[in-house]
Amino acid sequence: MVLKESHEKTLKDLKKRINDLDQSKKEADEKNLSLLSFLCNEIGSKDLDNLRELLAGKKLIELLSELDDHEHRIQSLNDALIQKGEELSNLRSRFKKSEEMVEERKIEVKTKQVIINYLENKIKDQEVESITKQKVVDDLEEIIRENETKFKVNQVTIIDLKKNIRELEEKTRAKQETIDDLEEKFIEVEEKSNIS
């Protein structure tokens, strides 16, 4: 942008210099015409030969040389102006390409931002899913711990029941032995009674 403004300023300066040179040429032409008019009035028509010699003199040659210099300078300025115009055209072309690249870059950035947003949302969803799964795992672990506790309690209860059963079996066995003893004694008593 700065380079573009610099070239535009240079073009304006060149145009101003050309206009100044054109103005100088016009002023010189006017002076020459005034000089010729003055000479014609002063010398008169009878001295045309002297006027021709004067016009062919050094002053006119200098003026013509100066005019040639002005024309060369104007031509050089025109060439420079054309060159600057070409440079400006190239700069505009490069600037347009730069703008196109900037637009492409903007589109690329927007596309990447959309992808980033999608990935961020995906990560958030996965985090929520992970938290949910972790909660399920925690709940299952809690249930397992509760079941293990219940199993341990039941195991203790089973052991106690087995112990109670063994004790009952022993008591039953003892009672059975007592009953057997009583039956034997009863039989003995009956036998003794029969003998008497």
N, C-alpha and C. Protein backbone atom coordinates (compact mmCIF):
# COMPACT_ATOMS: atom_id res chain seq x y z
N MET A 1 0.83 -1.21 0.00
CA MET A 1 0.00 0.00 0.00
C MET A 1 0.86 1.25 0.00
N VAL A 2 1.92 1.28 0.81
CA VAL A 2 2.84 2.43 0.87
C VAL A 2 3.55 2.60 -0.46
N LEU A 3 3.96 1.47 -1.07
CA LEU A 3 4.64 1.51 -2.37
C LEU A 3 3.71 2.06 -3.45
N LYS A 4 2.46 1.66 -3.38
CA LYS A 4 1.47 2.14 -4.34
C LYS A 4 1.30 3.66 -4.22
N GLU A 5 1.19 4.16 -2.99
CA GLU A 5 1.05 5.60 -2.77
C GLU A 5 2.29 6.35 -3.26
N SER A 6 3.48 5.76 -3.06
CA SER A 6 4.73 6.38 -3.51
C SER A 6 4.75 6.52 -5.03
N HIS A 7 4.31 5.45 -5.74
CA HIS A 7 4.28 5.50 -7.20
C HIS A 7 3.26 6.52 -7.70
N GLU A 8 2.12 6.57 -7.04
CA GLU A 8 1.11 7.55 -7.44
C GLU A 8 1.63 8.97 -7.26
N LYS A 9 2.37 9.22 -6.16
CA LYS A 9 2.96 10.55 -5.92
C LYS A 9 3.99 10.87 -7.00
N THR A 10 4.81 9.85 -7.38
CA THR A 10 5.81 10.06 -8.43
C THR A 10 5.15 10.42 -9.76
N LEU A 11 4.04 9.72 -10.07
CA LEU A 11 3.31 10.02 -11.30
C LEU A 11 2.77 11.44 -11.29
N LYS A 12 2.24 11.86 -10.15
CA LYS A 12 1.73 13.24 -10.03
C LYS A 12 2.86 14.25 -10.23
N ASP A 13 4.03 13.95 -9.63
CA ASP A 13 5.18 14.86 -9.78
C ASP A 13 5.62 14.95 -11.24
N LEU A 14 5.65 13.79 -11.91
CA LEU A 14 6.05 13.78 -13.32
C LEU A 14 5.07 14.58 -14.19
N LYS A 15 3.79 14.40 -13.93
CA LYS A 15 2.78 15.15 -14.69
C LYS A 15 2.94 16.66 -14.45
N LYS A 16 3.23 17.02 -13.19
CA LYS A 16 3.41 18.45 -12.87
C LYS A 16 4.63 19.01 -13.61
N ARG A 17 5.71 18.22 -13.64
CA ARG A 17 6.93 18.68 -14.34
C ARG A 17 6.68 18.83 -15.84
N ILE A 18 5.92 17.89 -16.40
CA ILE A 18 5.59 17.99 -17.83
C ILE A 18 4.75 19.25 -18.10
N ASN A 19 3.78 19.48 -17.22
CA ASN A 19 2.95 20.69 -17.38
C ASN A 19 3.81 21.95 -17.26
N ASP A 20 4.76 21.93 -16.30
CA ASP A 20 5.65 23.09 -16.13
C ASP A 20 6.49 23.32 -17.39
N LEU A 21 7.00 22.20 -17.96
CA LEU A 21 7.80 22.32 -19.19
C LEU A 21 6.96 22.83 -20.36
N ASP A 22 5.72 22.30 -20.44
CA ASP A 22 4.83 22.80 -21.49
C ASP A 22 4.58 24.30 -21.34
N GLN A 23 4.38 24.69 -20.07
CA GLN A 23 4.15 26.12 -19.81
C GLN A 23 5.38 26.95 -20.18
N SER A 24 6.58 26.42 -19.82
CA SER A 24 7.83 27.14 -20.17
C SER A 24 7.98 27.26 -21.68
N LYS A 25 7.63 26.17 -22.40
CA LYS A 25 7.71 26.20 -23.87
C LYS A 25 6.75 27.23 -24.44
N LYS A 26 5.54 27.27 -23.88
CA LYS A 26 4.57 28.27 -24.36
C LYS A 26 5.08 29.68 -24.11
N GLU A 27 5.64 29.89 -22.90
CA GLU A 27 6.17 31.22 -22.58
C GLU A 27 7.32 31.59 -23.52
N ALA A 28 8.21 30.61 -23.79
CA ALA A 28 9.32 30.87 -24.72
C ALA A 28 8.81 31.19 -26.12
N ASP A 29 7.79 30.42 -26.56
CA ASP A 29 7.20 30.69 -27.88
C ASP A 29 6.61 32.09 -27.94
N GLU A 30 5.92 32.45 -26.83
CA GLU A 30 5.32 33.80 -26.80
C GLU A 30 6.40 34.88 -26.84
N LYS A 31 7.50 34.63 -26.09
CA LYS A 31 8.61 35.61 -26.11
C LYS A 31 9.22 35.71 -27.51
N ASN A 32 9.38 34.56 -28.16
CA ASN A 32 9.94 34.56 -29.52
C ASN A 32 9.03 35.32 -30.49
N LEU A 33 7.71 35.07 -30.33
CA LEU A 33 6.77 35.79 -31.21
C LEU A 33 6.81 37.29 -30.94
N SER A 34 6.90 37.63 -29.63
CA SER A 34 6.98 39.06 -29.28
C SER A 34 8.24 39.68 -29.85
N LEU A 35 9.35 38.91 -29.74
CA LEU A 35 10.63 39.40 -30.27
C LEU A 35 10.56 39.59 -31.78
N LEU A 36 9.98 38.59 -32.46
CA LEU A 36 9.85 38.71 -33.92
C LEU A 36 8.96 39.89 -34.31
N SER A 37 7.86 40.04 -33.55
CA SER A 37 6.96 41.17 -33.83
C SER A 37 7.67 42.50 -33.61
N PHE A 38 8.46 42.54 -32.51
CA PHE A 38 9.21 43.77 -32.21
C PHE A 38 10.22 44.06 -33.31
N LEU A 39 10.91 43.01 -33.71
CA LEU A 39 11.92 43.20 -34.76
C LEU A 39 11.30 43.65 -36.07
N CYS A 40 10.15 43.04 -36.38
CA CYS A 40 9.47 43.44 -37.62
C CYS A 40 9.04 44.89 -37.57
N ASN A 41 8.54 45.30 -36.43
CA ASN A 41 8.10 46.70 -36.28
C ASN A 41 9.27 47.67 -36.32
N GLU A 42 10.40 47.26 -35.68
CA GLU A 42 11.56 48.15 -35.61
C GLU A 42 12.28 48.25 -36.94
N ILE A 43 12.44 47.12 -37.56
CA ILE A 43 13.26 47.10 -38.77
C ILE A 43 12.46 47.53 -40.00
N GLY A 44 11.22 47.03 -40.04
CA GLY A 44 10.41 47.39 -41.21
C GLY A 44 10.60 46.39 -42.33
N SER A 45 9.70 46.46 -43.30
CA SER A 45 9.70 45.48 -44.39
C SER A 45 10.88 45.66 -45.34
N LYS A 46 11.45 46.87 -45.38
CA LYS A 46 12.55 47.10 -46.32
C LYS A 46 13.82 46.39 -45.90
N ASP A 47 13.90 46.01 -44.60
CA ASP A 47 15.12 45.34 -44.12
C ASP A 47 14.89 43.85 -43.88
N LEU A 48 14.10 43.19 -44.73
CA LEU A 48 13.80 41.77 -44.54
C LEU A 48 15.05 40.91 -44.63
N ASP A 49 15.95 41.30 -45.49
CA ASP A 49 17.19 40.53 -45.60
C ASP A 49 17.95 40.55 -44.28
N ASN A 50 18.04 41.74 -43.68
CA ASN A 50 18.71 41.84 -42.37
C ASN A 50 17.97 41.02 -41.31
N LEU A 51 16.63 41.00 -41.40
CA LEU A 51 15.82 40.22 -40.44
C LEU A 51 16.10 38.73 -40.59
N ARG A 52 16.24 38.30 -41.86
CA ARG A 52 16.53 36.88 -42.07
C ARG A 52 17.89 36.52 -41.48
N GLU A 53 18.84 37.41 -41.68
CA GLU A 53 20.17 37.17 -41.10
C GLU A 53 20.09 37.13 -39.57
N LEU A 54 19.27 38.03 -39.01
CA LEU A 54 19.12 38.06 -37.55
C LEU A 54 18.46 36.78 -37.02
N LEU A 55 17.40 36.36 -37.75
CA LEU A 55 16.70 35.13 -37.34
C LEU A 55 17.60 33.91 -37.44
N ALA A 56 18.53 33.98 -38.41
CA ALA A 56 19.45 32.85 -38.58
C ALA A 56 20.63 32.95 -37.62
N GLY A 57 20.61 33.95 -36.79
CA GLY A 57 21.74 34.20 -35.89
C GLY A 57 21.77 33.29 -34.68
N LYS A 58 22.69 33.69 -33.82
CA LYS A 58 23.01 32.87 -32.64
C LYS A 58 21.83 32.73 -31.68
N LYS A 59 21.08 33.82 -31.49
CA LYS A 59 19.99 33.79 -30.52
C LYS A 59 18.95 32.75 -30.90
N LEU A 60 18.58 32.73 -32.18
CA LEU A 60 17.58 31.76 -32.63
C LEU A 60 18.09 30.34 -32.49
N ILE A 61 19.37 30.16 -32.80
CA ILE A 61 19.96 28.82 -32.65
C ILE A 61 19.91 28.37 -31.20
N GLU A 62 20.23 29.29 -30.31
CA GLU A 62 20.17 28.96 -28.88
C GLU A 62 18.74 28.61 -28.46
N LEU A 63 17.78 29.40 -28.96
CA LEU A 63 16.38 29.11 -28.63
C LEU A 63 15.95 27.76 -29.17
N LEU A 64 16.36 27.48 -30.42
CA LEU A 64 16.02 26.17 -30.99
C LEU A 64 16.68 25.03 -30.22
N SER A 65 17.93 25.26 -29.81
CA SER A 65 18.64 24.24 -29.03
C SER A 65 17.94 24.01 -27.69
N GLU A 66 17.55 25.12 -27.08
CA GLU A 66 16.83 25.02 -25.79
C GLU A 66 15.50 24.30 -25.98
N LEU A 67 14.85 24.63 -27.12
CA LEU A 67 13.57 23.96 -27.41
C LEU A 67 13.78 22.46 -27.60
N ASP A 68 14.86 22.11 -28.32
CA ASP A 68 15.18 20.68 -28.48
C ASP A 68 15.43 20.01 -27.13
N ASP A 69 16.16 20.74 -26.27
CA ASP A 69 16.41 20.20 -24.92
C ASP A 69 15.09 19.96 -24.18
N HIS A 70 14.20 20.95 -24.30
CA HIS A 70 12.89 20.79 -23.66
C HIS A 70 12.14 19.59 -24.22
N GLU A 71 12.18 19.45 -25.54
CA GLU A 71 11.49 18.31 -26.16
C GLU A 71 12.10 16.99 -25.72
N HIS A 72 13.45 16.95 -25.64
CA HIS A 72 14.11 15.72 -25.17
C HIS A 72 13.71 15.42 -23.72
N ARG A 73 13.69 16.47 -22.92
CA ARG A 73 13.31 16.28 -21.52
C ARG A 73 11.86 15.82 -21.40
N ILE A 74 11.00 16.43 -22.24
CA ILE A 74 9.59 16.01 -22.23
C ILE A 74 9.47 14.55 -22.67
N GLN A 75 10.25 14.18 -23.72
CA GLN A 75 10.22 12.80 -24.19
C GLN A 75 10.72 11.85 -23.10
N SER A 76 11.79 12.26 -22.41
CA SER A 76 12.33 11.44 -21.32
C SER A 76 11.30 11.28 -20.21
N LEU A 77 10.64 12.42 -19.90
CA LEU A 77 9.60 12.36 -18.87
C LEU A 77 8.43 11.49 -19.31
N ASN A 78 8.08 11.58 -20.59
CA ASN A 78 7.01 10.71 -21.11
C ASN A 78 7.41 9.24 -21.00
N ASP A 79 8.67 8.95 -21.40
CA ASP A 79 9.15 7.57 -21.28
C ASP A 79 9.12 7.11 -19.83
N ALA A 80 9.60 8.01 -18.93
CA ALA A 80 9.59 7.67 -17.50
C ALA A 80 8.16 7.47 -17.01
N LEU A 81 7.25 8.33 -17.51
CA LEU A 81 5.84 8.21 -17.12
C LEU A 81 5.26 6.88 -17.58
N ILE A 82 5.60 6.50 -18.82
CA ILE A 82 5.14 5.20 -19.34
C ILE A 82 5.69 4.06 -18.49
N GLN A 83 7.00 4.17 -18.16
CA GLN A 83 7.63 3.12 -17.34
C GLN A 83 6.97 3.04 -15.97
N LYS A 84 6.72 4.24 -15.37
CA LYS A 84 6.07 4.25 -14.06
C LYS A 84 4.66 3.69 -14.16
N GLY A 85 3.99 3.99 -15.30
CA GLY A 85 2.65 3.43 -15.51
C GLY A 85 2.68 1.92 -15.56
N GLU A 86 3.70 1.38 -16.27
CA GLU A 86 3.85 -0.08 -16.33
C GLU A 86 4.14 -0.65 -14.95
N GLU A 87 5.04 0.04 -14.22
CA GLU A 87 5.35 -0.42 -12.86
C GLU A 87 4.10 -0.38 -11.98
N LEU A 88 3.32 0.71 -12.13
CA LEU A 88 2.09 0.81 -11.35
C LEU A 88 1.11 -0.29 -11.72
N SER A 89 1.04 -0.61 -13.03
CA SER A 89 0.17 -1.70 -13.48
C SER A 89 0.63 -3.02 -12.88
N ASN A 90 1.96 -3.24 -12.89
CA ASN A 90 2.50 -4.46 -12.27
C ASN A 90 2.20 -4.51 -10.79
N LEU A 91 2.34 -3.34 -10.14
CA LEU A 91 2.05 -3.28 -8.71
C LEU A 91 0.58 -3.57 -8.43
N ARG A 92 -0.29 -3.01 -9.29
CA ARG A 92 -1.71 -3.29 -9.12
C ARG A 92 -2.01 -4.77 -9.29
N SER A 93 -1.33 -5.38 -10.30
CA SER A 93 -1.50 -6.82 -10.52
C SER A 93 -1.03 -7.62 -9.31
N ARG A 94 0.15 -7.23 -8.79
CA ARG A 94 0.68 -7.92 -7.60
C ARG A 94 -0.22 -7.69 -6.40
N PHE A 95 -0.74 -6.45 -6.28
CA PHE A 95 -1.63 -6.13 -5.17
C PHE A 95 -2.91 -6.96 -5.25
N LYS A 96 -3.42 -7.11 -6.49
CA LYS A 96 -4.62 -7.92 -6.68
C LYS A 96 -4.36 -9.37 -6.30
N LYS A 97 -3.18 -9.89 -6.73
CA LYS A 97 -2.82 -11.26 -6.37
C LYS A 97 -2.69 -11.40 -4.86
N SER A 98 -2.10 -10.37 -4.23
CA SER A 98 -1.95 -10.39 -2.77
C SER A 98 -3.32 -10.41 -2.10
N GLU A 99 -4.26 -9.60 -2.63
CA GLU A 99 -5.61 -9.59 -2.07
C GLU A 99 -6.26 -10.96 -2.23
N GLU A 100 -6.06 -11.59 -3.41
CA GLU A 100 -6.61 -12.92 -3.63
C GLU A 100 -6.01 -13.92 -2.66
N MET A 101 -4.68 -13.81 -2.44
CA MET A 101 -4.01 -14.71 -1.49
C MET A 101 -4.54 -14.48 -0.08
N VAL A 102 -4.78 -13.20 0.26
CA VAL A 102 -5.32 -12.88 1.59
C VAL A 102 -6.71 -13.50 1.75
N GLU A 103 -7.54 -13.37 0.70
CA GLU A 103 -8.88 -13.95 0.76
C GLU A 103 -8.81 -15.47 0.90
N GLU A 104 -7.88 -16.09 0.12
CA GLU A 104 -7.70 -17.54 0.23
C GLU A 104 -7.25 -17.92 1.63
N ARG A 105 -6.35 -17.09 2.19
CA ARG A 105 -5.86 -17.34 3.55
C ARG A 105 -7.00 -17.22 4.56
N LYS A 106 -7.87 -16.21 4.36
CA LYS A 106 -9.02 -16.04 5.26
C LYS A 106 -9.92 -17.26 5.21
N ILE A 107 -10.18 -17.74 3.97
CA ILE A 107 -11.02 -18.93 3.82
C ILE A 107 -10.37 -20.13 4.49
N GLU A 108 -9.04 -20.26 4.30
CA GLU A 108 -8.31 -21.37 4.92
C GLU A 108 -8.39 -21.29 6.44
N VAL A 109 -8.22 -20.07 6.97
CA VAL A 109 -8.29 -19.87 8.43
C VAL A 109 -9.69 -20.22 8.94
N LYS A 110 -10.73 -19.76 8.20
CA LYS A 110 -12.11 -20.07 8.61
C LYS A 110 -12.34 -21.57 8.61
N THR A 111 -11.84 -22.24 7.55
CA THR A 111 -11.99 -23.70 7.46
C THR A 111 -11.31 -24.39 8.64
N LYS A 112 -10.07 -23.95 8.94
CA LYS A 112 -9.35 -24.53 10.07
C LYS A 112 -10.08 -24.26 11.38
N GLN A 113 -10.68 -23.06 11.51
CA GLN A 113 -11.40 -22.73 12.73
C GLN A 113 -12.62 -23.62 12.90
N VAL A 114 -13.31 -23.89 11.76
CA VAL A 114 -14.46 -24.80 11.80
C VAL A 114 -14.02 -26.19 12.26
N ILE A 115 -12.88 -26.66 11.71
CA ILE A 115 -12.36 -27.97 12.10
C ILE A 115 -11.99 -27.99 13.58
N ILE A 116 -11.33 -26.89 14.03
CA ILE A 116 -10.93 -26.79 15.45
C ILE A 116 -12.16 -26.82 16.34
N ASN A 117 -13.20 -26.05 15.96
CA ASN A 117 -14.44 -26.03 16.75
C ASN A 117 -15.07 -27.41 16.81
N TYR A 118 -15.07 -28.11 15.64
CA TYR A 118 -15.63 -29.46 15.60
C TYR A 118 -14.87 -30.39 16.54
N LEU A 119 -13.52 -30.32 16.46
CA LEU A 119 -12.69 -31.18 17.31
C LEU A 119 -12.88 -30.85 18.79
N GLU A 120 -12.98 -29.54 19.10
CA GLU A 120 -13.20 -29.14 20.50
C GLU A 120 -14.53 -29.69 21.01
N ASN A 121 -15.58 -29.58 20.18
CA ASN A 121 -16.89 -30.12 20.57
C ASN A 121 -16.82 -31.64 20.73
N LYS A 122 -16.06 -32.28 19.81
CA LYS A 122 -15.91 -33.73 19.89
C LYS A 122 -15.21 -34.12 21.19
N ILE A 123 -14.15 -33.36 21.54
CA ILE A 123 -13.41 -33.62 22.78
C ILE A 123 -14.32 -33.44 23.99
N LYS A 124 -15.13 -32.35 23.96
CA LYS A 124 -16.06 -32.11 25.07
C LYS A 124 -17.06 -33.26 25.20
N ASP A 125 -17.59 -33.72 24.04
CA ASP A 125 -18.52 -34.85 24.06
C ASP A 125 -17.86 -36.09 24.64
N GLN A 126 -16.61 -36.33 24.22
CA GLN A 126 -15.88 -37.50 24.73
C GLN A 126 -15.60 -37.37 26.23
N GLU A 127 -15.31 -36.12 26.67
CA GLU A 127 -15.09 -35.90 28.10
C GLU A 127 -16.36 -36.20 28.89
N VAL A 128 -17.51 -35.72 28.37
CA VAL A 128 -18.80 -35.99 29.04
C VAL A 128 -19.07 -37.49 29.04
N GLU A 129 -18.81 -38.14 27.88
CA GLU A 129 -19.01 -39.58 27.79
C GLU A 129 -18.09 -40.32 28.75
N SER A 130 -16.84 -39.86 28.84
CA SER A 130 -15.88 -40.48 29.75
C SER A 130 -16.32 -40.32 31.21
N ILE A 131 -16.81 -39.10 31.53
CA ILE A 131 -17.30 -38.87 32.90
C ILE A 131 -18.48 -39.78 33.20
N THR A 132 -19.39 -39.92 32.22
CA THR A 132 -20.56 -40.80 32.40
C THR A 132 -20.12 -42.25 32.60
N LYS A 133 -19.17 -42.69 31.75
CA LYS A 133 -18.66 -44.06 31.88
C LYS A 133 -17.97 -44.26 33.23
N GLN A 134 -17.22 -43.26 33.66
CA GLN A 134 -16.53 -43.36 34.94
C GLN A 134 -17.55 -43.48 36.08
N LYS A 135 -18.66 -42.72 35.95
CA LYS A 135 -19.70 -42.79 36.98
C LYS A 135 -20.31 -44.19 37.01
N VAL A 136 -20.55 -44.75 35.80
CA VAL A 136 -21.10 -46.11 35.74
C VAL A 136 -20.12 -47.09 36.38
N VAL A 137 -18.82 -46.93 36.06
CA VAL A 137 -17.80 -47.80 36.66
C VAL A 137 -17.78 -47.65 38.18
N ASP A 138 -17.84 -46.40 38.64
CA ASP A 138 -17.86 -46.16 40.09
C ASP A 138 -19.08 -46.81 40.74
N ASP A 139 -20.25 -46.68 40.08
CA ASP A 139 -21.47 -47.29 40.61
C ASP A 139 -21.33 -48.81 40.66
N LEU A 140 -20.76 -49.39 39.59
CA LEU A 140 -20.57 -50.85 39.57
C LEU A 140 -19.60 -51.29 40.66
N GLU A 141 -18.52 -50.52 40.83
CA GLU A 141 -17.56 -50.85 41.89
C GLU A 141 -18.23 -50.78 43.26
N GLU A 142 -19.09 -49.79 43.44
CA GLU A 142 -19.82 -49.67 44.72
C GLU A 142 -20.73 -50.86 44.93
N ILE A 143 -21.44 -51.26 43.85
CA ILE A 143 -22.33 -52.44 43.94
C ILE A 143 -21.51 -53.69 44.26
N ILE A 144 -20.34 -53.82 43.59
CA ILE A 144 -19.48 -54.98 43.84
C ILE A 144 -19.01 -54.99 45.30
N ARG A 145 -18.61 -53.80 45.78
CA ARG A 145 -18.18 -53.74 47.19
C ARG A 145 -19.33 -54.12 48.13
N GLU A 146 -20.53 -53.62 47.83
CA GLU A 146 -21.69 -53.97 48.66
C GLU A 146 -21.96 -55.47 48.61
N ASN A 147 -21.87 -56.05 47.40
CA ASN A 147 -22.10 -57.50 47.26
C ASN A 147 -21.02 -58.30 47.98
N GLU A 148 -19.76 -57.79 47.90
CA GLU A 148 -18.68 -58.48 48.62
C GLU A 148 -18.94 -58.44 50.12
N THR A 149 -19.40 -57.28 50.61
CA THR A 149 -19.72 -57.16 52.04
C THR A 149 -20.84 -58.12 52.41
N LYS A 150 -21.90 -58.13 51.55
CA LYS A 150 -23.02 -59.05 51.81
C LYS A 150 -22.55 -60.50 51.76
N PHE A 151 -21.66 -60.80 50.78
CA PHE A 151 -21.15 -62.16 50.67
C PHE A 151 -20.38 -62.56 51.93
N LYS A 152 -19.55 -61.60 52.40
CA LYS A 152 -18.78 -61.89 53.63
C LYS A 152 -19.72 -62.13 54.81
N VAL A 153 -20.77 -61.29 54.91
CA VAL A 153 -21.76 -61.47 55.99
C VAL A 153 -22.44 -62.82 55.86
N ASN A 154 -22.85 -63.14 54.61
CA ASN A 154 -23.50 -64.44 54.37
C ASN A 154 -22.56 -65.60 54.66
N GLN A 155 -21.28 -65.40 54.31
CA GLN A 155 -20.29 -66.45 54.57
C GLN A 155 -20.17 -66.70 56.07
N VAL A 156 -20.13 -65.60 56.82
CA VAL A 156 -20.06 -65.73 58.29
C VAL A 156 -21.31 -66.42 58.81
N THR A 157 -22.47 -66.03 58.24
CA THR A 157 -23.74 -66.64 58.66
C THR A 157 -23.74 -68.13 58.36
N ILE A 158 -23.25 -68.49 57.16
CA ILE A 158 -23.19 -69.91 56.78
C ILE A 158 -22.28 -70.68 57.74
N ILE A 159 -21.13 -70.07 58.05
CA ILE A 159 -20.21 -70.74 58.99
C ILE A 159 -20.90 -70.94 60.35
N ASP A 160 -21.60 -69.90 60.81
CA ASP A 160 -22.32 -70.01 62.09
C ASP A 160 -23.39 -71.08 62.02
N LEU A 161 -24.11 -71.13 60.89
CA LEU A 161 -25.16 -72.14 60.74
C LEU A 161 -24.57 -73.55 60.75
N LYS A 162 -23.44 -73.72 60.04
CA LYS A 162 -22.78 -75.03 60.04
C LYS A 162 -22.37 -75.43 61.45
N LYS A 163 -21.85 -74.43 62.16
CA LYS A 163 -21.44 -74.69 63.55
C LYS A 163 -22.64 -75.09 64.40
N ASN A 164 -23.75 -74.33 64.22
CA ASN A 164 -24.97 -74.66 64.98
C ASN A 164 -25.49 -76.04 64.62
N ILE A 165 -25.40 -76.39 63.33
CA ILE A 165 -25.86 -77.71 62.90
C ILE A 165 -25.02 -78.80 63.55
N ARG A 166 -23.69 -78.58 63.55
CA ARG A 166 -22.82 -79.58 64.19
C ARG A 166 -23.18 -79.74 65.67
N GLU A 167 -23.40 -78.58 66.31
CA GLU A 167 -23.76 -78.64 67.73
C GLU A 167 -25.08 -79.39 67.93
N LEU A 168 -26.08 -79.11 67.06
CA LEU A 168 -27.37 -79.80 67.16
C LEU A 168 -27.20 -81.30 66.90
N GLU A 169 -26.33 -81.60 65.90
CA GLU A 169 -26.10 -83.02 65.60
C GLU A 169 -25.49 -83.73 66.82
N GLU A 170 -24.52 -83.03 67.46
CA GLU A 170 -23.90 -83.62 68.65
C GLU A 170 -24.92 -83.80 69.77
N LYS A 171 -25.77 -82.75 69.97
CA LYS A 171 -26.80 -82.86 71.01
C LYS A 171 -27.79 -83.97 70.68
N THR A 172 -28.15 -84.07 69.40
CA THR A 172 -29.08 -85.12 68.98
C THR A 172 -28.47 -86.50 69.21
N ARG A 173 -27.17 -86.61 68.86
CA ARG A 173 -26.48 -87.87 69.06
C ARG A 173 -26.45 -88.24 70.55
N ALA A 174 -26.18 -87.23 71.38
CA ALA A 174 -26.13 -87.47 72.84
C ALA A 174 -27.50 -87.91 73.35
N LYS A 175 -28.57 -87.21 72.83
CA LYS A 175 -29.92 -87.58 73.25
C LYS A 175 -30.27 -88.98 72.80
N GLN A 176 -29.81 -89.33 71.58
CA GLN A 176 -30.09 -90.66 71.06
C GLN A 176 -29.41 -91.73 71.93
N GLU A 177 -28.17 -91.41 72.32
CA GLU A 177 -27.45 -92.35 73.19
C GLU A 177 -28.19 -92.50 74.53
N THR A 178 -28.70 -91.37 75.03
CA THR A 178 -29.45 -91.42 76.31
C THR A 178 -30.70 -92.27 76.15
N ILE A 179 -31.39 -92.07 74.99
CA ILE A 179 -32.59 -92.85 74.73
C ILE A 179 -32.25 -94.33 74.63
N ASP A 180 -31.14 -94.63 73.94
CA ASP A 180 -30.73 -96.03 73.79
C ASP A 180 -30.44 -96.65 75.17
N ASP A 181 -29.75 -95.86 75.99
CA ASP A 181 -29.43 -96.35 77.34
C ASP A 181 -30.71 -96.60 78.13
N LEU A 182 -31.65 -95.68 78.02
CA LEU A 182 -32.92 -95.82 78.75
C LEU A 182 -33.69 -97.05 78.26
N GLU A 183 -33.66 -97.27 76.93
CA GLU A 183 -34.36 -98.44 76.39
C GLU A 183 -33.73 -99.73 76.91
N GLU A 184 -32.38 -99.76 76.96
CA GLU A 184 -31.71 -100.96 77.47
C GLU A 184 -32.09 -101.21 78.93
N LYS A 185 -32.09 -100.13 79.71
CA LYS A 185 -32.46 -100.25 81.12
C LYS A 185 -33.91 -100.71 81.28
N PHE A 186 -34.78 -100.15 80.40
CA PHE A 186 -36.19 -100.53 80.46
C PHE A 186 -36.37 -102.01 80.14
N ILE A 187 -35.58 -102.47 79.14
CA ILE A 187 -35.65 -103.88 78.77
C ILE A 187 -35.17 -104.75 79.94
N GLU A 188 -34.10 -104.32 80.55
CA GLU A 188 -33.58 -105.07 81.69
C GLU A 188 -34.61 -105.13 82.82
N VAL A 189 -35.26 -104.01 83.04
CA VAL A 189 -36.26 -103.96 84.12
C VAL A 189 -37.42 -104.89 83.78
N GLU A 190 -37.85 -104.89 82.52
CA GLU A 190 -38.95 -105.76 82.11
C GLU A 190 -38.58 -107.23 82.28
N GLU A 191 -37.32 -107.53 81.88
CA GLU A 191 -36.88 -108.92 82.00
C GLU A 191 -36.87 -109.35 83.46
N LYS A 192 -36.38 -108.46 84.31
CA LYS A 192 -36.36 -108.78 85.74
C LYS A 192 -37.78 -108.95 86.29
N SER A 193 -38.68 -108.15 85.79
CA SER A 193 -40.07 -108.22 86.26
C SER A 193 -40.70 -109.53 85.81
N ASN A 194 -40.40 -109.96 84.66
CA ASN A 194 -40.95 -111.21 84.15
C ASN A 194 -40.41 -112.41 84.93
N ILE A 195 -39.15 -112.33 85.29
CA ILE A 195 -38.55 -113.43 86.05
C ILE A 195 -39.20 -113.51 87.44
N SER A 196 -39.47 -112.45 88.06
CA SER A 196 -40.07 -112.45 89.37
C SER A 196 -41.52 -112.92 89.27
